PDB file of all heavy atoms in Angstrom:
ATOM      1  N   MET A   1      92.919 106.797 166.217  1.00  0.00           N
ATOM      2  CA  MET A   1      93.467 106.465 167.535  1.00  0.00           C
ATOM      3  C   MET A   1      94.760 107.225 167.823  1.00  0.00           C
ATOM      4  O   MET A   1      95.170 107.336 168.975  1.00  0.00           O
ATOM      5  CB  MET A   1      93.705 104.955 167.641  1.00  0.00           C
ATOM      6  CG  MET A   1      92.427 104.143 167.741  1.00  0.00           C
ATOM      7  SD  MET A   1      92.696 102.355 167.597  1.00  0.00           S
ATOM      8  CE  MET A   1      93.768 102.057 168.986  1.00  0.00           C
ATOM      9  N   GLU A   2      95.415 107.729 166.784  1.00  0.00           N
ATOM     10  CA  GLU A   2      96.647 108.503 166.977  1.00  0.00           C
ATOM     11  C   GLU A   2      96.366 109.952 167.363  1.00  0.00           C
ATOM     12  O   GLU A   2      97.277 110.692 167.731  1.00  0.00           O
ATOM     13  CB  GLU A   2      97.488 108.466 165.698  1.00  0.00           C
ATOM     14  CG  GLU A   2      97.993 107.072 165.346  1.00  0.00           C
ATOM     15  CD  GLU A   2      98.890 107.091 164.129  1.00  0.00           C
ATOM     16  OE1 GLU A   2      99.436 108.165 163.817  1.00  0.00           O
ATOM     17  OE2 GLU A   2      99.038 106.042 163.490  1.00  0.00           O
ATOM     18  N   VAL A   3      95.106 110.369 167.250  1.00  0.00           N
ATOM     19  CA  VAL A   3      94.744 111.746 167.573  1.00  0.00           C
ATOM     20  C   VAL A   3      94.636 111.910 169.090  1.00  0.00           C
ATOM     21  O   VAL A   3      93.963 111.127 169.755  1.00  0.00           O
ATOM     22  CB  VAL A   3      93.398 112.125 166.907  1.00  0.00           C
ATOM     23  CG1 VAL A   3      92.929 113.483 167.402  1.00  0.00           C
ATOM     24  CG2 VAL A   3      93.533 112.116 165.392  1.00  0.00           C
ATOM     25  N   ASN A   4      95.281 112.919 169.599  1.00  0.00           N
ATOM     26  CA  ASN A   4      95.201 113.247 171.030  1.00  0.00           C
ATOM     27  C   ASN A   4      94.562 114.633 171.147  1.00  0.00           C
ATOM     28  O   ASN A   4      95.211 115.648 170.913  1.00  0.00           O
ATOM     29  CB  ASN A   4      96.598 113.243 171.659  1.00  0.00           C
ATOM     30  CG  ASN A   4      96.542 113.422 173.169  1.00  0.00           C
ATOM     31  OD1 ASN A   4      95.529 113.850 173.722  1.00  0.00           O
ATOM     32  ND2 ASN A   4      97.627 113.083 173.838  1.00  0.00           N
ATOM     33  N   LEU A   5      93.283 114.659 171.485  1.00  0.00           N
ATOM     34  CA  LEU A   5      92.541 115.919 171.503  1.00  0.00           C
ATOM     35  C   LEU A   5      93.122 116.930 172.492  1.00  0.00           C
ATOM     36  O   LEU A   5      93.135 118.135 172.231  1.00  0.00           O
ATOM     37  CB  LEU A   5      91.074 115.644 171.855  1.00  0.00           C
ATOM     38  CG  LEU A   5      90.261 114.878 170.799  1.00  0.00           C
ATOM     39  CD1 LEU A   5      88.879 114.569 171.350  1.00  0.00           C
ATOM     40  CD2 LEU A   5      90.156 115.684 169.522  1.00  0.00           C
ATOM     41  N   SER A   6      93.599 116.433 173.617  1.00  0.00           N
ATOM     42  CA  SER A   6      94.109 117.360 174.631  1.00  0.00           C
ATOM     43  C   SER A   6      95.376 118.076 174.170  1.00  0.00           C
ATOM     44  O   SER A   6      95.721 119.139 174.688  1.00  0.00           O
ATOM     45  CB  SER A   6      94.397 116.607 175.930  1.00  0.00           C
ATOM     46  OG  SER A   6      95.346 115.585 175.716  1.00  0.00           O
ATOM     47  N   THR A   7      96.058 117.510 173.176  1.00  0.00           N
ATOM     48  CA  THR A   7      97.289 118.123 172.661  1.00  0.00           C
ATOM     49  C   THR A   7      97.011 119.507 172.091  1.00  0.00           C
ATOM     50  O   THR A   7      97.811 120.439 172.245  1.00  0.00           O
ATOM     51  CB  THR A   7      97.911 117.228 171.569  1.00  0.00           C
ATOM     52  OG1 THR A   7      98.177 115.937 172.113  1.00  0.00           O
ATOM     53  CG2 THR A   7      99.220 117.822 171.060  1.00  0.00           C
ATOM     54  N   VAL A   8      95.875 119.651 171.405  1.00  0.00           N
ATOM     55  CA  VAL A   8      95.531 120.938 170.786  1.00  0.00           C
ATOM     56  C   VAL A   8      95.456 122.033 171.831  1.00  0.00           C
ATOM     57  O   VAL A   8      96.009 123.124 171.660  1.00  0.00           O
ATOM     58  CB  VAL A   8      94.191 120.827 170.030  1.00  0.00           C
ATOM     59  CG1 VAL A   8      93.813 122.167 169.424  1.00  0.00           C
ATOM     60  CG2 VAL A   8      94.279 119.766 168.943  1.00  0.00           C
ATOM     61  N   TRP A   9      94.791 121.740 172.946  1.00  0.00           N
ATOM     62  CA  TRP A   9      94.599 122.775 173.959  1.00  0.00           C
ATOM     63  C   TRP A   9      95.867 123.037 174.764  1.00  0.00           C
ATOM     64  O   TRP A   9      96.126 124.169 175.171  1.00  0.00           O
ATOM     65  CB  TRP A   9      93.458 122.354 174.891  1.00  0.00           C
ATOM     66  CG  TRP A   9      92.233 121.953 174.136  1.00  0.00           C
ATOM     67  CD1 TRP A   9      91.613 120.748 174.147  1.00  0.00           C
ATOM     68  CD2 TRP A   9      91.477 122.773 173.229  1.00  0.00           C
ATOM     69  NE1 TRP A   9      90.543 120.742 173.298  1.00  0.00           N
ATOM     70  CE2 TRP A   9      90.417 121.976 172.723  1.00  0.00           C
ATOM     71  CE3 TRP A   9      91.585 124.096 172.782  1.00  0.00           C
ATOM     72  CZ2 TRP A   9      89.489 122.453 171.815  1.00  0.00           C
ATOM     73  CZ3 TRP A   9      90.656 124.567 171.867  1.00  0.00           C
ATOM     74  CH2 TRP A   9      89.619 123.756 171.405  1.00  0.00           C
ATOM     75  N   ARG A  10      96.684 121.997 174.955  1.00  0.00           N
ATOM     76  CA  ARG A  10      97.915 122.196 175.721  1.00  0.00           C
ATOM     77  C   ARG A  10      98.893 123.124 175.015  1.00  0.00           C
ATOM     78  O   ARG A  10      99.652 123.835 175.660  1.00  0.00           O
ATOM     79  CB  ARG A  10      98.592 120.849 175.992  1.00  0.00           C
ATOM     80  CG  ARG A  10      97.950 120.044 177.103  1.00  0.00           C
ATOM     81  CD  ARG A  10      98.936 119.042 177.689  1.00  0.00           C
ATOM     82  NE  ARG A  10      99.518 118.185 176.675  1.00  0.00           N
ATOM     83  CZ  ARG A  10      99.019 116.998 176.336  1.00  0.00           C
ATOM     84  NH1 ARG A  10      97.925 116.549 176.935  1.00  0.00           N
ATOM     85  NH2 ARG A  10      99.596 116.259 175.429  1.00  0.00           N
ATOM     86  N   GLN A  11      98.885 123.135 173.691  1.00  0.00           N
ATOM     87  CA  GLN A  11      99.827 123.974 172.950  1.00  0.00           C
ATOM     88  C   GLN A  11      99.372 125.432 172.849  1.00  0.00           C
ATOM     89  O   GLN A  11     100.110 126.277 172.382  1.00  0.00           O
ATOM     90  CB  GLN A  11     100.053 123.404 171.548  1.00  0.00           C
ATOM     91  CG  GLN A  11     100.976 122.195 171.528  1.00  0.00           C
ATOM     92  CD  GLN A  11     102.296 122.465 172.205  1.00  0.00           C
ATOM     93  OE1 GLN A  11     102.540 122.019 173.311  1.00  0.00           O
ATOM     94  NE2 GLN A  11     103.161 123.214 171.560  1.00  0.00           N
ATOM     95  N   GLY A  12      98.139 125.708 173.245  1.00  0.00           N
ATOM     96  CA  GLY A  12      97.669 127.094 173.295  1.00  0.00           C
ATOM     97  C   GLY A  12      97.582 127.769 171.947  1.00  0.00           C
ATOM     98  O   GLY A  12      97.271 127.154 170.936  1.00  0.00           O
ATOM     99  N   LYS A  13      97.901 129.085 171.953  1.00  0.00           N
ATOM    100  CA  LYS A  13      97.643 129.901 170.768  1.00  0.00           C
ATOM    101  C   LYS A  13      98.526 129.542 169.577  1.00  0.00           C
ATOM    102  O   LYS A  13      98.106 129.718 168.433  1.00  0.00           O
ATOM    103  CB  LYS A  13      97.822 131.380 171.111  1.00  0.00           C
ATOM    104  CG  LYS A  13      99.259 131.799 171.388  1.00  0.00           C
ATOM    105  CD  LYS A  13      99.371 133.313 171.493  1.00  0.00           C
ATOM    106  CE  LYS A  13     100.825 133.763 171.614  1.00  0.00           C
ATOM    107  NZ  LYS A  13     100.934 135.227 171.627  1.00  0.00           N
ATOM    108  N   VAL A  14      99.733 129.016 169.803  1.00  0.00           N
ATOM    109  CA  VAL A  14     100.606 128.689 168.668  1.00  0.00           C
ATOM    110  C   VAL A  14      99.967 127.615 167.795  1.00  0.00           C
ATOM    111  O   VAL A  14      99.841 127.766 166.575  1.00  0.00           O
ATOM    112  CB  VAL A  14     101.993 128.206 169.157  1.00  0.00           C
ATOM    113  CG1 VAL A  14     102.890 127.897 167.962  1.00  0.00           C
ATOM    114  CG2 VAL A  14     102.646 129.243 170.049  1.00  0.00           C
ATOM    115  N   ALA A  15      99.546 126.511 168.424  1.00  0.00           N
ATOM    116  CA  ALA A  15      98.917 125.428 167.671  1.00  0.00           C
ATOM    117  C   ALA A  15      97.637 125.901 167.005  1.00  0.00           C
ATOM    118  O   ALA A  15      97.327 125.515 165.869  1.00  0.00           O
ATOM    119  CB  ALA A  15      98.632 124.242 168.590  1.00  0.00           C
ATOM    120  N   LEU A  16      96.874 126.742 167.701  1.00  0.00           N
ATOM    121  CA  LEU A  16      95.609 127.225 167.140  1.00  0.00           C
ATOM    122  C   LEU A  16      95.855 128.109 165.917  1.00  0.00           C
ATOM    123  O   LEU A  16      95.177 127.980 164.891  1.00  0.00           O
ATOM    124  CB  LEU A  16      94.841 128.000 168.209  1.00  0.00           C
ATOM    125  CG  LEU A  16      93.396 128.381 167.859  1.00  0.00           C
ATOM    126  CD1 LEU A  16      92.583 127.129 167.556  1.00  0.00           C
ATOM    127  CD2 LEU A  16      92.757 129.170 168.984  1.00  0.00           C
ATOM    128  N   TRP A  17      96.861 129.004 166.007  1.00  0.00           N
ATOM    129  CA  TRP A  17      97.185 129.848 164.861  1.00  0.00           C
ATOM    130  C   TRP A  17      97.660 129.004 163.675  1.00  0.00           C
ATOM    131  O   TRP A  17      97.252 129.249 162.529  1.00  0.00           O
ATOM    132  CB  TRP A  17      98.271 130.868 165.247  1.00  0.00           C
ATOM    133  CG  TRP A  17      97.753 132.128 165.854  1.00  0.00           C
ATOM    134  CD1 TRP A  17      97.965 132.581 167.119  1.00  0.00           C
ATOM    135  CD2 TRP A  17      96.942 133.129 165.212  1.00  0.00           C
ATOM    136  NE1 TRP A  17      97.327 133.787 167.318  1.00  0.00           N
ATOM    137  CE2 TRP A  17      96.699 134.147 166.151  1.00  0.00           C
ATOM    138  CE3 TRP A  17      96.392 133.248 163.929  1.00  0.00           C
ATOM    139  CZ2 TRP A  17      95.933 135.272 165.862  1.00  0.00           C
ATOM    140  CZ3 TRP A  17      95.630 134.375 163.637  1.00  0.00           C
ATOM    141  CH2 TRP A  17      95.403 135.366 164.596  1.00  0.00           C
ATOM    142  N   VAL A  18      98.523 128.046 163.937  1.00  0.00           N
ATOM    143  CA  VAL A  18      99.030 127.179 162.858  1.00  0.00           C
ATOM    144  C   VAL A  18      97.888 126.394 162.226  1.00  0.00           C
ATOM    145  O   VAL A  18      97.783 126.279 160.993  1.00  0.00           O
ATOM    146  CB  VAL A  18     100.104 126.209 163.391  1.00  0.00           C
ATOM    147  CG1 VAL A  18     100.487 125.180 162.325  1.00  0.00           C
ATOM    148  CG2 VAL A  18     101.338 126.976 163.833  1.00  0.00           C
ATOM    149  N   ALA A  19      97.015 125.847 163.069  1.00  0.00           N
ATOM    150  CA  ALA A  19      95.898 125.051 162.566  1.00  0.00           C
ATOM    151  C   ALA A  19      94.956 125.889 161.705  1.00  0.00           C
ATOM    152  O   ALA A  19      94.558 125.476 160.614  1.00  0.00           O
ATOM    153  CB  ALA A  19      95.136 124.432 163.737  1.00  0.00           C
ATOM    154  N   LEU A  20      94.606 127.084 162.194  1.00  0.00           N
ATOM    155  CA  LEU A  20      93.650 127.926 161.466  1.00  0.00           C
ATOM    156  C   LEU A  20      94.246 128.461 160.166  1.00  0.00           C
ATOM    157  O   LEU A  20      93.646 128.318 159.085  1.00  0.00           O
ATOM    158  CB  LEU A  20      93.193 129.084 162.358  1.00  0.00           C
ATOM    159  CG  LEU A  20      92.289 128.699 163.536  1.00  0.00           C
ATOM    160  CD1 LEU A  20      92.013 129.908 164.411  1.00  0.00           C
ATOM    161  CD2 LEU A  20      90.983 128.089 163.035  1.00  0.00           C
ATOM    162  N   ALA A  21      95.425 129.082 160.257  1.00  0.00           N
ATOM    163  CA  ALA A  21      96.038 129.645 159.052  1.00  0.00           C
ATOM    164  C   ALA A  21      96.453 128.549 158.078  1.00  0.00           C
ATOM    165  O   ALA A  21      96.317 128.696 156.859  1.00  0.00           O
ATOM    166  CB  ALA A  21      97.249 130.497 159.435  1.00  0.00           C
ATOM    167  N   GLY A  22      96.948 127.426 158.620  1.00  0.00           N
ATOM    168  CA  GLY A  22      97.367 126.312 157.778  1.00  0.00           C
ATOM    169  C   GLY A  22      96.219 125.609 157.097  1.00  0.00           C
ATOM    170  O   GLY A  22      96.417 124.872 156.125  1.00  0.00           O
ATOM    171  N   MET A  23      95.007 125.821 157.572  1.00  0.00           N
ATOM    172  CA  MET A  23      93.819 125.244 156.931  1.00  0.00           C
ATOM    173  C   MET A  23      93.126 126.280 156.043  1.00  0.00           C
ATOM    174  O   MET A  23      92.755 125.985 154.902  1.00  0.00           O
ATOM    175  CB  MET A  23      92.843 124.751 158.005  1.00  0.00           C
ATOM    176  CG  MET A  23      91.611 124.044 157.463  1.00  0.00           C
ATOM    177  SD  MET A  23      91.979 122.346 157.027  1.00  0.00           S
ATOM    178  CE  MET A  23      90.410 121.816 156.345  1.00  0.00           C
ATOM    179  N   LEU A  24      92.988 127.494 156.553  1.00  0.00           N
ATOM    180  CA  LEU A  24      92.182 128.494 155.841  1.00  0.00           C
ATOM    181  C   LEU A  24      92.844 129.006 154.565  1.00  0.00           C
ATOM    182  O   LEU A  24      92.170 129.156 153.536  1.00  0.00           O
ATOM    183  CB  LEU A  24      91.879 129.671 156.780  1.00  0.00           C
ATOM    184  CG  LEU A  24      90.929 129.365 157.943  1.00  0.00           C
ATOM    185  CD1 LEU A  24      90.755 130.587 158.834  1.00  0.00           C
ATOM    186  CD2 LEU A  24      89.574 128.890 157.428  1.00  0.00           C
ATOM    187  N   LEU A  25      94.152 129.289 154.604  1.00  0.00           N
ATOM    188  CA  LEU A  25      94.803 129.827 153.406  1.00  0.00           C
ATOM    189  C   LEU A  25      94.794 128.837 152.243  1.00  0.00           C
ATOM    190  O   LEU A  25      94.353 129.189 151.141  1.00  0.00           O
ATOM    191  CB  LEU A  25      96.232 130.270 153.736  1.00  0.00           C
ATOM    192  CG  LEU A  25      96.970 130.931 152.563  1.00  0.00           C
ATOM    193  CD1 LEU A  25      96.262 132.195 152.106  1.00  0.00           C
ATOM    194  CD2 LEU A  25      98.416 131.251 152.942  1.00  0.00           C
ATOM    195  N   PRO A  26      95.271 127.586 152.407  1.00  0.00           N
ATOM    196  CA  PRO A  26      95.193 126.650 151.283  1.00  0.00           C
ATOM    197  C   PRO A  26      93.754 126.322 150.887  1.00  0.00           C
ATOM    198  O   PRO A  26      93.474 126.090 149.706  1.00  0.00           O
ATOM    199  CB  PRO A  26      95.930 125.416 151.793  1.00  0.00           C
ATOM    200  CG  PRO A  26      95.943 125.530 153.266  1.00  0.00           C
ATOM    201  CD  PRO A  26      95.951 126.990 153.576  1.00  0.00           C
ATOM    202  N   PHE A  27      92.833 126.325 151.876  1.00  0.00           N
ATOM    203  CA  PHE A  27      91.425 126.060 151.554  1.00  0.00           C
ATOM    204  C   PHE A  27      90.879 127.176 150.672  1.00  0.00           C
ATOM    205  O   PHE A  27      90.228 126.909 149.647  1.00  0.00           O
ATOM    206  CB  PHE A  27      90.611 125.952 152.847  1.00  0.00           C
ATOM    207  CG  PHE A  27      89.196 125.472 152.646  1.00  0.00           C
ATOM    208  CD1 PHE A  27      88.890 124.123 152.720  1.00  0.00           C
ATOM    209  CD2 PHE A  27      88.170 126.365 152.359  1.00  0.00           C
ATOM    210  CE1 PHE A  27      87.590 123.682 152.534  1.00  0.00           C
ATOM    211  CE2 PHE A  27      86.863 125.937 152.167  1.00  0.00           C
ATOM    212  CZ  PHE A  27      86.569 124.587 152.258  1.00  0.00           C
ATOM    213  N   ALA A  28      91.143 128.430 151.066  1.00  0.00           N
ATOM    214  CA  ALA A  28      90.658 129.572 150.280  1.00  0.00           C
ATOM    215  C   ALA A  28      91.306 129.600 148.900  1.00  0.00           C
ATOM    216  O   ALA A  28      90.635 129.856 147.883  1.00  0.00           O
ATOM    217  CB  ALA A  28      90.951 130.872 151.023  1.00  0.00           C
ATOM    218  N   LEU A  29      92.598 129.294 148.830  1.00  0.00           N
ATOM    219  CA  LEU A  29      93.303 129.281 147.550  1.00  0.00           C
ATOM    220  C   LEU A  29      92.744 128.192 146.639  1.00  0.00           C
ATOM    221  O   LEU A  29      92.471 128.435 145.451  1.00  0.00           O
ATOM    222  CB  LEU A  29      94.798 129.042 147.799  1.00  0.00           C
ATOM    223  CG  LEU A  29      95.713 129.031 146.575  1.00  0.00           C
ATOM    224  CD1 LEU A  29      95.678 130.372 145.859  1.00  0.00           C
ATOM    225  CD2 LEU A  29      97.140 128.680 146.976  1.00  0.00           C
ATOM    226  N   GLY A  30      92.569 126.992 147.179  1.00  0.00           N
ATOM    227  CA  GLY A  30      92.021 125.891 146.382  1.00  0.00           C
ATOM    228  C   GLY A  30      90.608 126.158 145.923  1.00  0.00           C
ATOM    229  O   GLY A  30      90.248 125.879 144.771  1.00  0.00           O
ATOM    230  N   PHE A  31      89.778 126.729 146.816  1.00  0.00           N
ATOM    231  CA  PHE A  31      88.387 127.015 146.443  1.00  0.00           C
ATOM    232  C   PHE A  31      88.329 128.084 145.360  1.00  0.00           C
ATOM    233  O   PHE A  31      87.556 127.965 144.393  1.00  0.00           O
ATOM    234  CB  PHE A  31      87.606 127.479 147.679  1.00  0.00           C
ATOM    235  CG  PHE A  31      86.139 127.684 147.410  1.00  0.00           C
ATOM    236  CD1 PHE A  31      85.248 126.636 147.540  1.00  0.00           C
ATOM    237  CD2 PHE A  31      85.644 128.931 147.011  1.00  0.00           C
ATOM    238  CE1 PHE A  31      83.885 126.812 147.291  1.00  0.00           C
ATOM    239  CE2 PHE A  31      84.300 129.115 146.749  1.00  0.00           C
ATOM    240  CZ  PHE A  31      83.412 128.058 146.895  1.00  0.00           C
ATOM    241  N   ALA A  32      89.151 129.143 145.503  1.00  0.00           N
ATOM    242  CA  ALA A  32      89.133 130.234 144.534  1.00  0.00           C
ATOM    243  C   ALA A  32      89.519 129.745 143.137  1.00  0.00           C
ATOM    244  O   ALA A  32      88.863 130.070 142.139  1.00  0.00           O
ATOM    245  CB  ALA A  32      90.075 131.350 144.993  1.00  0.00           C
ATOM    246  N   VAL A  33      90.579 128.942 143.067  1.00  0.00           N
ATOM    247  CA  VAL A  33      91.025 128.441 141.761  1.00  0.00           C
ATOM    248  C   VAL A  33      89.979 127.501 141.167  1.00  0.00           C
ATOM    249  O   VAL A  33      89.641 127.594 139.980  1.00  0.00           O
ATOM    250  CB  VAL A  33      92.383 127.731 141.896  1.00  0.00           C
ATOM    251  CG1 VAL A  33      92.759 127.047 140.583  1.00  0.00           C
ATOM    252  CG2 VAL A  33      93.469 128.726 142.295  1.00  0.00           C
ATOM    253  N   ALA A  34      89.440 126.585 141.979  1.00  0.00           N
ATOM    254  CA  ALA A  34      88.466 125.620 141.478  1.00  0.00           C
ATOM    255  C   ALA A  34      87.135 126.277 141.114  1.00  0.00           C
ATOM    256  O   ALA A  34      86.401 125.779 140.254  1.00  0.00           O
ATOM    257  CB  ALA A  34      88.231 124.532 142.529  1.00  0.00           C
ATOM    258  N   TRP A  35      86.816 127.414 141.736  1.00  0.00           N
ATOM    259  CA  TRP A  35      85.556 128.099 141.458  1.00  0.00           C
ATOM    260  C   TRP A  35      85.679 129.067 140.280  1.00  0.00           C
ATOM    261  O   TRP A  35      84.813 129.098 139.404  1.00  0.00           O
ATOM    262  CB  TRP A  35      85.094 128.838 142.708  1.00  0.00           C
ATOM    263  CG  TRP A  35      83.763 129.508 142.569  1.00  0.00           C
ATOM    264  CD1 TRP A  35      83.512 130.828 142.370  1.00  0.00           C
ATOM    265  CD2 TRP A  35      82.469 128.871 142.595  1.00  0.00           C
ATOM    266  NE1 TRP A  35      82.170 131.080 142.286  1.00  0.00           N
ATOM    267  CE2 TRP A  35      81.485 129.888 142.408  1.00  0.00           C
ATOM    268  CE3 TRP A  35      82.036 127.560 142.745  1.00  0.00           C
ATOM    269  CZ2 TRP A  35      80.133 129.617 142.376  1.00  0.00           C
ATOM    270  CZ3 TRP A  35      80.674 127.294 142.727  1.00  0.00           C
ATOM    271  CH2 TRP A  35      79.744 128.309 142.544  1.00  0.00           C
ATOM    272  N   TRP A  36      86.772 129.852 140.251  1.00  0.00           N
ATOM    273  CA  TRP A  36      86.923 130.866 139.208  1.00  0.00           C
ATOM    274  C   TRP A  36      87.690 130.359 137.992  1.00  0.00           C
ATOM    275  O   TRP A  36      87.454 130.846 136.869  1.00  0.00           O
ATOM    276  CB  TRP A  36      87.635 132.102 139.777  1.00  0.00           C
ATOM    277  CG  TRP A  36      86.880 132.772 140.876  1.00  0.00           C
ATOM    278  CD1 TRP A  36      87.157 132.750 142.206  1.00  0.00           C
ATOM    279  CD2 TRP A  36      85.671 133.546 140.751  1.00  0.00           C
ATOM    280  NE1 TRP A  36      86.226 133.449 142.923  1.00  0.00           N
ATOM    281  CE2 TRP A  36      85.290 133.960 142.054  1.00  0.00           C
ATOM    282  CE3 TRP A  36      84.882 133.924 139.661  1.00  0.00           C
ATOM    283  CZ2 TRP A  36      84.170 134.741 142.308  1.00  0.00           C
ATOM    284  CZ3 TRP A  36      83.752 134.701 139.898  1.00  0.00           C
ATOM    285  CH2 TRP A  36      83.409 135.104 141.204  1.00  0.00           C
ATOM    286  N   LEU A  37      88.595 129.406 138.184  1.00  0.00           N
ATOM    287  CA  LEU A  37      89.369 128.843 137.060  1.00  0.00           C
ATOM    288  C   LEU A  37      89.310 127.316 137.113  1.00  0.00           C
ATOM    289  O   LEU A  37      90.336 126.640 137.228  1.00  0.00           O
ATOM    290  CB  LEU A  37      90.826 129.315 137.136  1.00  0.00           C
ATOM    291  CG  LEU A  37      91.079 130.821 137.055  1.00  0.00           C
ATOM    292  CD1 LEU A  37      92.514 131.140 137.418  1.00  0.00           C
ATOM    293  CD2 LEU A  37      90.739 131.332 135.648  1.00  0.00           C
ATOM    294  N   PRO A  38      88.112 126.741 137.035  1.00  0.00           N
ATOM    295  CA  PRO A  38      87.970 125.293 137.243  1.00  0.00           C
ATOM    296  C   PRO A  38      88.742 124.447 136.236  1.00  0.00           C
ATOM    297  O   PRO A  38      89.222 123.363 136.567  1.00  0.00           O
ATOM    298  CB  PRO A  38      86.459 125.064 137.124  1.00  0.00           C
ATOM    299  CG  PRO A  38      85.957 126.227 136.313  1.00  0.00           C
ATOM    300  CD  PRO A  38      86.818 127.378 136.692  1.00  0.00           C
ATOM    301  N   GLY A  39      88.880 124.933 135.009  1.00  0.00           N
ATOM    302  CA  GLY A  39      89.602 124.166 134.005  1.00  0.00           C
ATOM    303  C   GLY A  39      91.057 123.960 134.362  1.00  0.00           C
ATOM    304  O   GLY A  39      91.686 122.976 133.935  1.00  0.00           O
ATOM    305  N   LEU A  40      91.598 124.858 135.148  1.00  0.00           N
ATOM    306  CA  LEU A  40      93.009 124.787 135.536  1.00  0.00           C
ATOM    307  C   LEU A  40      93.281 123.582 136.438  1.00  0.00           C
ATOM    308  O   LEU A  40      94.395 123.050 136.460  1.00  0.00           O
ATOM    309  CB  LEU A  40      93.408 126.079 136.255  1.00  0.00           C
ATOM    310  CG  LEU A  40      94.895 126.390 136.390  1.00  0.00           C
ATOM    311  CD1 LEU A  40      95.524 126.567 135.012  1.00  0.00           C
ATOM    312  CD2 LEU A  40      95.104 127.645 137.229  1.00  0.00           C
ATOM    313  N   VAL A  41      92.261 123.134 137.175  1.00  0.00           N
ATOM    314  CA  VAL A  41      92.437 121.996 138.077  1.00  0.00           C
ATOM    315  C   VAL A  41      91.571 120.805 137.673  1.00  0.00           C
ATOM    316  O   VAL A  41      91.216 119.955 138.491  1.00  0.00           O
ATOM    317  CB  VAL A  41      92.128 122.398 139.545  1.00  0.00           C
ATOM    318  CG1 VAL A  41      93.255 123.238 140.109  1.00  0.00           C
ATOM    319  CG2 VAL A  41      90.812 123.141 139.663  1.00  0.00           C
TER     320      VAL A  41
END
């Protein structure tokens, strides 16, 4: 209920860049470590 969908679009490209890069980089880093060096995590 705290999510406001229209907020994402109102902020334009800044919010979209933050959302994409802020999700993709840690996701790729976590997946790479867990896939190639699973014992480490």
